[in-house]
Amino acid sequence: QAAFAADVCENRGYMVEFHGLKFWCLASAHARNSMWFPQESVPKEADALMCYRIPGNGTISVSLYHKPGREDLDLSEIAKANGGGGHRGACGFSMTTGQAIVGGILK
């Protein structure tokens, strides 16, 4: 599983600028927690981690996580600003696919 997570993170991730931060982003049905972001597989310039799923109802479910070494960021403020919630380093929200395109999450 660790090797699969590293492969997914390195080869399917991309950088997203969102709310003034650089997120290393994964779009994956598998990526449902921070274990899919092995520290050695995340680019150094990333501020935080993001993954999303598209449940098929016109929305996307977004999860935000601390990147190791960047626990100073309160990602829950971003989640709250988008109608969600959670903790400083593990939180989430939902948005329409249109909002995700405008916000730069969906490419």
PDB file of N, CA and C in Angstrom:
ATOM      1  N   GLN A   1       0.823  -1.189   0.000  1.00  0.00           N
ATOM      2  CA  GLN A   1       0.000   0.000   0.000  1.00  0.00           C
ATOM      3  C   GLN A   1       0.870   1.257   0.000  1.00  0.00           C
ATOM      4  N   ALA A   2       1.985   1.236   0.742  1.00  0.00           N
ATOM      5  CA  ALA A   2       2.860   2.413   0.792  1.00  0.00           C
ATOM      6  C   ALA A   2       3.434   2.731  -0.589  1.00  0.00           C
ATOM      7  N   ALA A   3       3.847   1.704  -1.321  1.00  0.00           N
ATOM      8  CA  ALA A   3       4.392   1.926  -2.662  1.00  0.00           C
ATOM      9  C   ALA A   3       3.316   2.454  -3.606  1.00  0.00           C
ATOM     10  N   PHE A   4       2.101   1.920  -3.487  1.00  0.00           N
ATOM     11  CA  PHE A   4       0.997   2.394  -4.321  1.00  0.00           C
ATOM     12  C   PHE A   4       0.678   3.853  -4.008  1.00  0.00           C
ATOM     13  N   ALA A   5       0.639   4.199  -2.723  1.00  0.00           N
ATOM     14  CA  ALA A   5       0.368   5.586  -2.319  1.00  0.00           C
ATOM     15  C   ALA A   5       1.435   6.524  -2.861  1.00  0.00           C
ATOM     16  N   ALA A   6       2.701   6.131  -2.779  1.00  0.00           N
ATOM     17  CA  ALA A   6       3.790   6.975  -3.295  1.00  0.00           C
ATOM     18  C   ALA A   6       3.646   7.170  -4.799  1.00  0.00           C
ATOM     19  N   ASP A   7       3.303   6.093  -5.521  1.00  0.00           N
ATOM     20  CA  ASP A   7       3.126   6.186  -6.967  1.00  0.00           C
ATOM     21  C   ASP A   7       1.969   7.126  -7.309  1.00  0.00           C
ATOM     22  N   VAL A   8       0.847   6.974  -6.625  1.00  0.00           N
ATOM     23  CA  VAL A   8      -0.309   7.845  -6.864  1.00  0.00           C
ATOM     24  C   VAL A   8       0.060   9.300  -6.581  1.00  0.00           C
ATOM     25  N   CYS A   9       0.703   9.537  -5.465  1.00  0.00           N
ATOM     26  CA  CYS A   9       1.060  10.899  -5.065  1.00  0.00           C
ATOM     27  C   CYS A   9       2.020  11.544  -6.069  1.00  0.00           C
ATOM     28  N   GLU A  10       3.038  10.821  -6.449  1.00  0.00           N
ATOM     29  CA  GLU A  10       4.056  11.383  -7.343  1.00  0.00           C
ATOM     30  C   GLU A  10       3.571  11.550  -8.776  1.00  0.00           C
ATOM     31  N   ASN A  11       2.799  10.592  -9.273  1.00  0.00           N
ATOM     32  CA  ASN A  11       2.470  10.564 -10.694  1.00  0.00           C
ATOM     33  C   ASN A  11       1.076  11.065 -11.052  1.00  0.00           C
ATOM     34  N   ARG A  12       0.239  11.271 -10.049  1.00  0.00           N
ATOM     35  CA  ARG A  12      -1.114  11.758 -10.343  1.00  0.00           C
ATOM     36  C   ARG A  12      -1.436  13.069  -9.642  1.00  0.00           C
ATOM     37  N   GLY A  13      -0.536  13.545  -8.813  1.00  0.00           N
ATOM     38  CA  GLY A  13      -0.766  14.797  -8.108  1.00  0.00           C
ATOM     39  C   GLY A  13      -0.434  16.010  -8.959  1.00  0.00           C
ATOM     40  N   TYR A  14      -0.968  17.137  -8.574  1.00  0.00           N
ATOM     41  CA  TYR A  14      -0.663  18.399  -9.251  1.00  0.00           C
ATOM     42  C   TYR A  14      -0.840  19.546  -8.252  1.00  0.00           C
ATOM     43  N   MET A  15      -0.173  20.660  -8.550  1.00  0.00           N
ATOM     44  CA  MET A  15      -0.200  21.820  -7.666  1.00  0.00           C
ATOM     45  C   MET A  15      -1.437  22.671  -7.957  1.00  0.00           C
ATOM     46  N   VAL A  16      -2.102  23.079  -6.890  1.00  0.00           N
ATOM     47  CA  VAL A  16      -3.276  23.948  -6.969  1.00  0.00           C
ATOM     48  C   VAL A  16      -3.036  25.131  -6.044  1.00  0.00           C
ATOM     49  N   GLU A  17      -3.240  26.350  -6.546  1.00  0.00           N
ATOM     50  CA  GLU A  17      -3.208  27.527  -5.685  1.00  0.00           C
ATOM     51  C   GLU A  17      -4.648  27.828  -5.291  1.00  0.00           C
ATOM     52  N   PHE A  18      -4.894  27.816  -3.978  1.00  0.00           N
ATOM     53  CA  PHE A  18      -6.250  27.980  -3.462  1.00  0.00           C
ATOM     54  C   PHE A  18      -6.165  28.732  -2.145  1.00  0.00           C
ATOM     55  N   HIS A  19      -6.902  29.820  -2.035  1.00  0.00           N
ATOM     56  CA  HIS A  19      -6.908  30.656  -0.830  1.00  0.00           C
ATOM     57  C   HIS A  19      -5.495  31.090  -0.441  1.00  0.00           C
ATOM     58  N   GLY A  20      -4.684  31.395  -1.444  1.00  0.00           N
ATOM     59  CA  GLY A  20      -3.348  31.926  -1.205  1.00  0.00           C
ATOM     60  C   GLY A  20      -2.293  30.899  -0.807  1.00  0.00           C
ATOM     61  N   LEU A  21      -2.636  29.618  -0.833  1.00  0.00           N
ATOM     62  CA  LEU A  21      -1.684  28.558  -0.492  1.00  0.00           C
ATOM     63  C   LEU A  21      -1.482  27.634  -1.680  1.00  0.00           C
ATOM     64  N   LYS A  22      -0.344  26.964  -1.699  1.00  0.00           N
ATOM     65  CA  LYS A  22      -0.061  25.952  -2.712  1.00  0.00           C
ATOM     66  C   LYS A  22      -0.361  24.577  -2.119  1.00  0.00           C
ATOM     67  N   PHE A  23      -1.350  23.906  -2.706  1.00  0.00           N
ATOM     68  CA  PHE A  23      -1.751  22.576  -2.259  1.00  0.00           C
ATOM     69  C   PHE A  23      -1.252  21.534  -3.252  1.00  0.00           C
ATOM     70  N   TRP A  24      -0.679  20.438  -2.757  1.00  0.00           N
ATOM     71  CA  TRP A  24      -0.423  19.279  -3.607  1.00  0.00           C
ATOM     72  C   TRP A  24      -1.725  18.505  -3.618  1.00  0.00           C
ATOM     73  N   CYS A  25      -2.311  18.337  -4.793  1.00  0.00           N
ATOM     74  CA  CYS A  25      -3.676  17.858  -4.934  1.00  0.00           C
ATOM     75  C   CYS A  25      -3.727  16.484  -5.610  1.00  0.00           C
ATOM     76  N   LEU A  26      -4.593  15.638  -5.087  1.00  0.00           N
ATOM     77  CA  LEU A  26      -4.872  14.329  -5.670  1.00  0.00           C
ATOM     78  C   LEU A  26      -6.362  14.200  -5.932  1.00  0.00           C
ATOM     79  N   ALA A  27      -6.684  13.759  -7.128  1.00  0.00           N
ATOM     80  CA  ALA A  27      -8.061  13.411  -7.464  1.00  0.00           C
ATOM     81  C   ALA A  27      -8.107  11.898  -7.508  1.00  0.00           C
ATOM     82  N   SER A  28      -8.676  11.303  -6.493  1.00  0.00           N
ATOM     83  CA  SER A  28      -8.640   9.845  -6.432  1.00  0.00           C
ATOM     84  C   SER A  28      -9.780   9.308  -5.589  1.00  0.00           C
ATOM     85  N   ALA A  29     -10.361   8.239  -6.070  1.00  0.00           N
ATOM     86  CA  ALA A  29     -11.364   7.547  -5.263  1.00  0.00           C
ATOM     87  C   ALA A  29     -10.711   6.899  -4.046  1.00  0.00           C
ATOM     88  N   HIS A  30      -9.411   6.630  -4.143  1.00  0.00           N
ATOM     89  CA  HIS A  30      -8.678   5.975  -3.062  1.00  0.00           C
ATOM     90  C   HIS A  30      -8.221   6.954  -1.984  1.00  0.00           C
ATOM     91  N   ALA A  31      -7.834   8.150  -2.389  1.00  0.00           N
ATOM     92  CA  ALA A  31      -7.225   9.113  -1.462  1.00  0.00           C
ATOM     93  C   ALA A  31      -8.288   9.702  -0.548  1.00  0.00           C
ATOM     94  N   ARG A  32      -8.460   9.099   0.596  1.00  0.00           N
ATOM     95  CA  ARG A  32      -9.477   9.558   1.545  1.00  0.00           C
ATOM     96  C   ARG A  32      -8.876   9.952   2.885  1.00  0.00           C
ATOM     97  N   ASN A  33      -7.543  10.001   2.952  1.00  0.00           N
ATOM     98  CA  ASN A  33      -6.882  10.460   4.169  1.00  0.00           C
ATOM     99  C   ASN A  33      -5.450  10.856   3.835  1.00  0.00           C
ATOM    100  N   SER A  34      -4.754  11.398   4.799  1.00  0.00           N
ATOM    101  CA  SER A  34      -3.409  11.919   4.557  1.00  0.00           C
ATOM    102  C   SER A  34      -2.369  10.828   4.311  1.00  0.00           C
ATOM    103  N   MET A  35      -2.717   9.561   4.522  1.00  0.00           N
ATOM    104  CA  MET A  35      -1.773   8.471   4.270  1.00  0.00           C
ATOM    105  C   MET A  35      -1.416   8.354   2.785  1.00  0.00           C
ATOM    106  N   TRP A  36      -2.192   8.975   1.911  1.00  0.00           N
ATOM    107  CA  TRP A  36      -1.923   8.931   0.475  1.00  0.00           C
ATOM    108  C   TRP A  36      -0.905   9.981   0.050  1.00  0.00           C
ATOM    109  N   PHE A  37      -0.334  10.690   1.008  1.00  0.00           N
ATOM    110  CA  PHE A  37       0.643  11.733   0.726  1.00  0.00           C
ATOM    111  C   PHE A  37       1.955  11.428   1.454  1.00  0.00           C
ATOM    112  N   PRO A  38       2.690  10.385   1.053  1.00  0.00           N
ATOM    113  CA  PRO A  38       3.965  10.115   1.723  1.00  0.00           C
ATOM    114  C   PRO A  38       4.867  11.351   1.648  1.00  0.00           C
ATOM    115  N   GLN A  39       5.465  11.709   2.758  1.00  0.00           N
ATOM    116  CA  GLN A  39       6.231  12.949   2.856  1.00  0.00           C
ATOM    117  C   GLN A  39       7.261  13.087   1.737  1.00  0.00           C
ATOM    118  N   GLU A  40       7.940  11.990   1.403  1.00  0.00           N
ATOM    119  CA  GLU A  40       8.986  12.055   0.381  1.00  0.00           C
ATOM    120  C   GLU A  40       8.406  12.219  -1.026  1.00  0.00           C
ATOM    121  N   SER A  41       7.108  12.057  -1.189  1.00  0.00           N
ATOM    122  CA  SER A  41       6.476  12.162  -2.503  1.00  0.00           C
ATOM    123  C   SER A  41       5.807  13.511  -2.752  1.00  0.00           C
ATOM    124  N   VAL A  42       5.758  14.352  -1.739  1.00  0.00           N
ATOM    125  CA  VAL A  42       5.119  15.667  -1.858  1.00  0.00           C
ATOM    126  C   VAL A  42       6.183  16.711  -2.198  1.00  0.00           C
ATOM    127  N   PRO A  43       5.943  17.519  -3.240  1.00  0.00           N
ATOM    128  CA  PRO A  43       6.924  18.565  -3.591  1.00  0.00           C
ATOM    129  C   PRO A  43       7.195  19.511  -2.427  1.00  0.00           C
ATOM    130  N   LYS A  44       8.439  19.916  -2.313  1.00  0.00           N
ATOM    131  CA  LYS A  44       8.849  20.797  -1.208  1.00  0.00           C
ATOM    132  C   LYS A  44       8.113  22.126  -1.215  1.00  0.00           C
ATOM    133  N   GLU A  45       7.735  22.628  -2.402  1.00  0.00           N
ATOM    134  CA  GLU A  45       7.093  23.949  -2.470  1.00  0.00           C
ATOM    135  C   GLU A  45       5.631  23.937  -2.048  1.00  0.00           C
ATOM    136  N   ALA A  46       5.052  22.771  -1.836  1.00  0.00           N
ATOM    137  CA  ALA A  46       3.655  22.694  -1.394  1.00  0.00           C
ATOM    138  C   ALA A  46       3.531  23.174   0.049  1.00  0.00           C
ATOM    139  N   ASP A  47       2.456  23.918   0.320  1.00  0.00           N
ATOM    140  CA  ASP A  47       2.167  24.380   1.677  1.00  0.00           C
ATOM    141  C   ASP A  47       1.308  23.381   2.444  1.00  0.00           C
ATOM    142  N   ALA A  48       0.411  22.696   1.721  1.00  0.00           N
ATOM    143  CA  ALA A  48      -0.560  21.804   2.358  1.00  0.00           C
ATOM    144  C   ALA A  48      -1.007  20.759   1.340  1.00  0.00           C
ATOM    145  N   LEU A  49      -1.890  19.878   1.771  1.00  0.00           N
ATOM    146  CA  LEU A  49      -2.327  18.745   0.962  1.00  0.00           C
ATOM    147  C   LEU A  49      -3.837  18.804   0.731  1.00  0.00           C
ATOM    148  N   MET A  50      -4.265  18.399  -0.455  1.00  0.00           N
ATOM    149  CA  MET A  50      -5.674  18.418  -0.818  1.00  0.00           C
ATOM    150  C   MET A  50      -5.994  17.152  -1.612  1.00  0.00           C
ATOM    151  N   CYS A  51      -7.125  16.551  -1.336  1.00  0.00           N
ATOM    152  CA  CYS A  51      -7.629  15.496  -2.215  1.00  0.00           C
ATOM    153  C   CYS A  51      -9.116  15.731  -2.405  1.00  0.00           C
ATOM    154  N   TYR A  52      -9.605  15.224  -3.514  1.00  0.00           N
ATOM    155  CA  TYR A  52     -11.040  15.371  -3.761  1.00  0.00           C
ATOM    156  C   TYR A  52     -11.596  14.145  -4.464  1.00  0.00           C
ATOM    157  N   ARG A  53     -12.884  13.992  -4.294  1.00  0.00           N
ATOM    158  CA  ARG A  53     -13.662  12.929  -4.926  1.00  0.00           C
ATOM    159  C   ARG A  53     -14.866  13.570  -5.599  1.00  0.00           C
ATOM    160  N   ILE A  54     -15.287  12.979  -6.685  1.00  0.00           N
ATOM    161  CA  ILE A  54     -16.470  13.469  -7.400  1.00  0.00           C
ATOM    162  C   ILE A  54     -17.554  12.411  -7.242  1.00  0.00           C
ATOM    163  N   PRO A  55     -18.507  12.644  -6.336  1.00  0.00           N
ATOM    164  CA  PRO A  55     -19.520  11.622  -6.062  1.00  0.00           C
ATOM    165  C   PRO A  55     -20.567  11.436  -7.163  1.00  0.00           C
ATOM    166  N   GLY A  56     -20.592  12.320  -8.156  1.00  0.00           N
ATOM    167  CA  GLY A  56     -21.519  12.143  -9.260  1.00  0.00           C
ATOM    168  C   GLY A  56     -22.819  12.899  -9.144  1.00  0.00           C
ATOM    169  N   ASN A  57     -22.918  13.816  -8.202  1.00  0.00           N
ATOM    170  CA  ASN A  57     -24.155  14.585  -8.036  1.00  0.00           C
ATOM    171  C   ASN A  57     -23.954  16.067  -8.343  1.00  0.00           C
ATOM    172  N   GLY A  58     -22.928  16.384  -9.143  1.00  0.00           N
ATOM    173  CA  GLY A  58     -22.647  17.773  -9.493  1.00  0.00           C
ATOM    174  C   GLY A  58     -21.791  18.495  -8.476  1.00  0.00           C
ATOM    175  N   THR A  59     -21.321  17.779  -7.459  1.00  0.00           N
ATOM    176  CA  THR A  59     -20.456  18.383  -6.448  1.00  0.00           C
ATOM    177  C   THR A  59     -19.142  17.617  -6.370  1.00  0.00           C
ATOM    178  N   ILE A  60     -18.180  18.217  -5.697  1.00  0.00           N
ATOM    179  CA  ILE A  60     -16.958  17.506  -5.346  1.00  0.00           C
ATOM    180  C   ILE A  60     -16.775  17.613  -3.836  1.00  0.00           C
ATOM    181  N   SER A  61     -16.210  16.579  -3.254  1.00  0.00           N
ATOM    182  CA  SER A  61     -15.895  16.555  -1.823  1.00  0.00           C
ATOM    183  C   SER A  61     -14.401  16.771  -1.680  1.00  0.00           C
ATOM    184  N   VAL A  62     -14.031  17.834  -0.994  1.00  0.00           N
ATOM    185  CA  VAL A  62     -12.631  18.231  -0.858  1.00  0.00           C
ATOM    186  C   VAL A  62     -12.168  18.004   0.573  1.00  0.00           C
ATOM    187  N   SER A  63     -10.986  17.415   0.733  1.00  0.00           N
ATOM    188  CA  SER A  63     -10.363  17.248   2.047  1.00  0.00           C
ATOM    189  C   SER A  63      -9.019  17.964   2.043  1.00  0.00           C
ATOM    190  N   LEU A  64      -8.717  18.644   3.142  1.00  0.00           N
ATOM    191  CA  LEU A  64      -7.456  19.363   3.307  1.00  0.00           C
ATOM    192  C   LEU A  64      -6.697  18.774   4.487  1.00  0.00           C
ATOM    193  N   TYR A  65      -5.369  18.679   4.348  1.00  0.00           N
ATOM    194  CA  TYR A  65      -4.515  18.119   5.402  1.00  0.00           C
ATOM    195  C   TYR A  65      -3.242  18.933   5.540  1.00  0.00           C
ATOM    196  N   HIS A  66      -2.702  18.933   6.749  1.00  0.00           N
ATOM    197  CA  HIS A  66      -1.384  19.531   6.960  1.00  0.00           C
ATOM    198  C   HIS A  66      -0.334  18.763   6.177  1.00  0.00           C
ATOM    199  N   LYS A  67       0.605  19.483   5.649  1.00  0.00           N
ATOM    200  CA  LYS A  67       1.830  18.881   5.143  1.00  0.00           C
ATOM    201  C   LYS A  67       2.780  18.827   6.341  1.00  0.00           C
ATOM    202  N   PRO A  68       3.471  17.716   6.557  1.00  0.00           N
ATOM    203  CA  PRO A  68       4.411  17.669   7.686  1.00  0.00           C
ATOM    204  C   PRO A  68       5.370  18.864   7.649  1.00  0.00           C
ATOM    205  N   GLY A  69       5.495  19.512   8.779  1.00  0.00           N
ATOM    206  CA  GLY A  69       6.330  20.703   8.884  1.00  0.00           C
ATOM    207  C   GLY A  69       5.573  22.004   8.692  1.00  0.00           C
ATOM    208  N   ARG A  70       4.316  21.926   8.294  1.00  0.00           N
ATOM    209  CA  ARG A  70       3.497  23.132   8.100  1.00  0.00           C
ATOM    210  C   ARG A  70       2.255  23.093   8.984  1.00  0.00           C
ATOM    211  N   GLU A  71       2.422  22.618  10.189  1.00  0.00           N
ATOM    212  CA  GLU A  71       1.311  22.545  11.134  1.00  0.00           C
ATOM    213  C   GLU A  71       0.887  23.923  11.628  1.00  0.00           C
ATOM    214  N   ASP A  72       1.621  24.965  11.234  1.00  0.00           N
ATOM    215  CA  ASP A  72       1.272  26.335  11.615  1.00  0.00           C
ATOM    216  C   ASP A  72       0.018  26.831  10.898  1.00  0.00           C
ATOM    217  N   LEU A  73      -0.351  26.202   9.810  1.00  0.00           N
ATOM    218  CA  LEU A  73      -1.507  26.637   9.029  1.00  0.00           C
ATOM    219  C   LEU A  73      -2.803  26.121   9.639  1.00  0.00           C
ATOM    220  N   ASP A  74      -3.813  26.977   9.685  1.00  0.00           N
ATOM    221  CA  ASP A  74      -5.136  26.565  10.148  1.00  0.00           C
ATOM    222  C   ASP A  74      -6.015  26.359   8.920  1.00  0.00           C
ATOM    223  N   LEU A  75      -5.989  25.147   8.388  1.00  0.00           N
ATOM    224  CA  LEU A  75      -6.734  24.831   7.180  1.00  0.00           C
ATOM    225  C   LEU A  75      -8.243  24.842   7.410  1.00  0.00           C
ATOM    226  N   SER A  76      -8.665  24.717   8.661  1.00  0.00           N
ATOM    227  CA  SER A  76     -10.104  24.741   8.944  1.00  0.00           C
ATOM    228  C   SER A  76     -10.724  26.086   8.571  1.00  0.00           C
ATOM    229  N   GLU A  77      -9.948  27.149   8.568  1.00  0.00           N
ATOM    230  CA  GLU A  77     -10.470  28.454   8.151  1.00  0.00           C
ATOM    231  C   GLU A  77     -10.873  28.423   6.675  1.00  0.00           C
ATOM    232  N   ILE A  78     -10.091  27.731   5.852  1.00  0.00           N
ATOM    233  CA  ILE A  78     -10.439  27.584   4.437  1.00  0.00           C
ATOM    234  C   ILE A  78     -11.693  26.731   4.300  1.00  0.00           C
ATOM    235  N   ALA A  79     -11.748  25.644   5.057  1.00  0.00           N
ATOM    236  CA  ALA A  79     -12.938  24.782   5.010  1.00  0.00           C
ATOM    237  C   ALA A  79     -14.181  25.561   5.430  1.00  0.00           C
ATOM    238  N   LYS A  80     -14.089  26.322   6.505  1.00  0.00           N
ATOM    239  CA  LYS A  80     -15.236  27.107   6.977  1.00  0.00           C
ATOM    240  C   LYS A  80     -15.659  28.139   5.941  1.00  0.00           C
ATOM    241  N   ALA A  81     -14.683  28.771   5.279  1.00  0.00           N
ATOM    242  CA  ALA A  81     -14.989  29.778   4.262  1.00  0.00           C
ATOM    243  C   ALA A  81     -15.728  29.175   3.074  1.00  0.00           C
ATOM    244  N   ASN A  82     -15.637  27.859   2.922  1.00  0.00           N
ATOM    245  CA  ASN A  82     -16.304  27.161   1.827  1.00  0.00           C
ATOM    246  C   ASN A  82     -17.479  26.317   2.307  1.00  0.00           C
ATOM    247  N   GLY A  83     -17.980  26.614   3.511  1.00  0.00           N
ATOM    248  CA  GLY A  83     -19.167  25.956   4.023  1.00  0.00           C
ATOM    249  C   GLY A  83     -18.931  24.626   4.721  1.00  0.00           C
ATOM    250  N   GLY A  84     -17.674  24.299   5.016  1.00  0.00           N
ATOM    251  CA  GLY A  84     -17.347  23.034   5.679  1.00  0.00           C
ATOM    252  C   GLY A  84     -16.829  23.243   7.074  1.00  0.00           C
ATOM    253  N   GLY A  85     -16.006  22.331   7.525  1.00  0.00           N
ATOM    254  CA  GLY A  85     -15.440  22.430   8.865  1.00  0.00           C
ATOM    255  C   GLY A  85     -14.428  21.341   9.116  1.00  0.00           C
ATOM    256  N   GLY A  86     -14.059  21.216  10.369  1.00  0.00           N
ATOM    257  CA  GLY A  86     -13.085  20.203  10.763  1.00  0.00           C
ATOM    258  C   GLY A  86     -12.032  20.782  11.679  1.00  0.00           C
ATOM    259  N   HIS A  87     -10.891  20.148  11.687  1.00  0.00           N
ATOM    260  CA  HIS A  87      -9.775  20.534  12.551  1.00  0.00           C
ATOM    261  C   HIS A  87      -8.741  21.333  11.762  1.00  0.00           C
ATOM    262  N   ARG A  88      -7.783  21.932  12.467  1.00  0.00           N
ATOM    263  CA  ARG A  88      -6.732  22.728  11.836  1.00  0.00           C
ATOM    264  C   ARG A  88      -6.025  21.986  10.698  1.00  0.00           C
ATOM    265  N   GLY A  89      -5.759  20.705  10.914  1.00  0.00           N
ATOM    266  CA  GLY A  89      -4.942  19.964   9.961  1.00  0.00           C
ATOM    267  C   GLY A  89      -5.671  18.864   9.223  1.00  0.00           C
ATOM    268  N   ALA A  90      -6.960  18.710   9.443  1.00  0.00           N
ATOM    269  CA  ALA A  90      -7.774  17.709   8.736  1.00  0.00           C
ATOM    270  C   ALA A  90      -9.203  18.225   8.690  1.00  0.00           C
ATOM    271  N   CYS A  91      -9.629  18.644   7.517  1.00  0.00           N
ATOM    272  CA  CYS A  91     -10.939  19.277   7.391  1.00  0.00           C
ATOM    273  C   CYS A  91     -11.439  19.117   5.965  1.00  0.00           C
ATOM    274  N   GLY A  92     -12.643  19.581   5.720  1.00  0.00           N
ATOM    275  CA  GLY A  92     -13.157  19.445   4.373  1.00  0.00           C
ATOM    276  C   GLY A  92     -14.416  20.238   4.118  1.00  0.00           C
ATOM    277  N   PHE A  93     -14.843  20.175   2.866  1.00  0.00           N
ATOM    278  CA  PHE A  93     -16.027  20.895   2.416  1.00  0.00           C
ATOM    279  C   PHE A  93     -16.457  20.321   1.069  1.00  0.00           C
ATOM    280  N   SER A  94     -17.630  20.699   0.640  1.00  0.00           N
ATOM    281  CA  SER A  94     -18.136  20.332  -0.682  1.00  0.00           C
ATOM    282  C   SER A  94     -18.385  21.601  -1.472  1.00  0.00           C
ATOM    283  N   MET A  95     -18.268  21.483  -2.784  1.00  0.00           N
ATOM    284  CA  MET A  95     -18.571  22.605  -3.675  1.00  0.00           C
ATOM    285  C   MET A  95     -19.051  22.035  -5.006  1.00  0.00           C
ATOM    286  N   THR A  96     -19.672  22.885  -5.811  1.00  0.00           N
ATOM    287  CA  THR A  96     -20.119  22.427  -7.117  1.00  0.00           C
ATOM    288  C   THR A  96     -18.901  22.254  -8.022  1.00  0.00           C
ATOM    289  N   THR A  97     -19.072  21.489  -9.074  1.00  0.00           N
ATOM    290  CA  THR A  97     -17.957  21.324 -10.013  1.00  0.00           C
ATOM    291  C   THR A  97     -17.619  22.664 -10.674  1.00  0.00           C
ATOM    292  N   GLY A  98     -18.633  23.504 -10.909  1.00  0.00           N
ATOM    293  CA  GLY A  98     -18.366  24.837 -11.455  1.00  0.00           C
ATOM    294  C   GLY A  98     -17.502  25.676 -10.547  1.00  0.00           C
ATOM    295  N   GLN A  99     -17.812  25.664  -9.244  1.00  0.00           N
ATOM    296  CA  GLN A  99     -16.990  26.398  -8.281  1.00  0.00           C
ATOM    297  C   GLN A  99     -15.563  25.845  -8.252  1.00  0.00           C
ATOM    298  N   ALA A 100     -15.426  24.536  -8.376  1.00  0.00           N
ATOM    299  CA  ALA A 100     -14.099  23.917  -8.349  1.00  0.00           C
ATOM    300  C   ALA A 100     -13.277  24.289  -9.565  1.00  0.00           C
ATOM    301  N   ILE A 101     -13.933  24.445 -10.710  1.00  0.00           N
ATOM    302  CA  ILE A 101     -13.223  24.867 -11.917  1.00  0.00           C
ATOM    303  C   ILE A 101     -12.779  26.307 -11.761  1.00  0.00           C
ATOM    304  N   VAL A 102     -13.673  27.188 -11.337  1.00  0.00           N
ATOM    305  CA  VAL A 102     -13.331  28.603 -11.144  1.00  0.00           C
ATOM    306  C   VAL A 102     -12.230  28.744 -10.093  1.00  0.00           C
ATOM    307  N   GLY A 103     -12.295  27.931  -9.023  1.00  0.00           N
ATOM    308  CA  GLY A 103     -11.301  27.983  -7.955  1.00  0.00           C
ATOM    309  C   GLY A 103      -9.975  27.352  -8.316  1.00  0.00           C
ATOM    310  N   GLY A 104      -9.891  26.716  -9.483  1.00  0.00           N
ATOM    311  CA  GLY A 104      -8.628  26.134  -9.932  1.00  0.00           C
ATOM    312  C   GLY A 104      -8.356  24.731  -9.409  1.00  0.00           C
ATOM    313  N   ILE A 105      -9.317  24.122  -8.714  1.00  0.00           N
ATOM    314  CA  ILE A 105      -9.112  22.774  -8.198  1.00  0.00           C
ATOM    315  C   ILE A 105      -9.221  21.748  -9.328  1.00  0.00           C
ATOM    316  N   LEU A 106     -10.291  21.852 -10.111  1.00  0.00           N
ATOM    317  CA  LEU A 106     -10.452  20.951 -11.259  1.00  0.00           C
ATOM    318  C   LEU A 106      -9.753  21.559 -12.453  1.00  0.00           C
ATOM    319  N   LYS A 107      -9.000  20.755 -13.128  1.00  0.00           N
ATOM    320  CA  LYS A 107      -8.246  21.221 -14.301  1.00  0.00           C
ATOM    321  C   LYS A 107      -8.824  20.611 -15.550  1.00  0.00           C
TER     322      LYS A 107
END
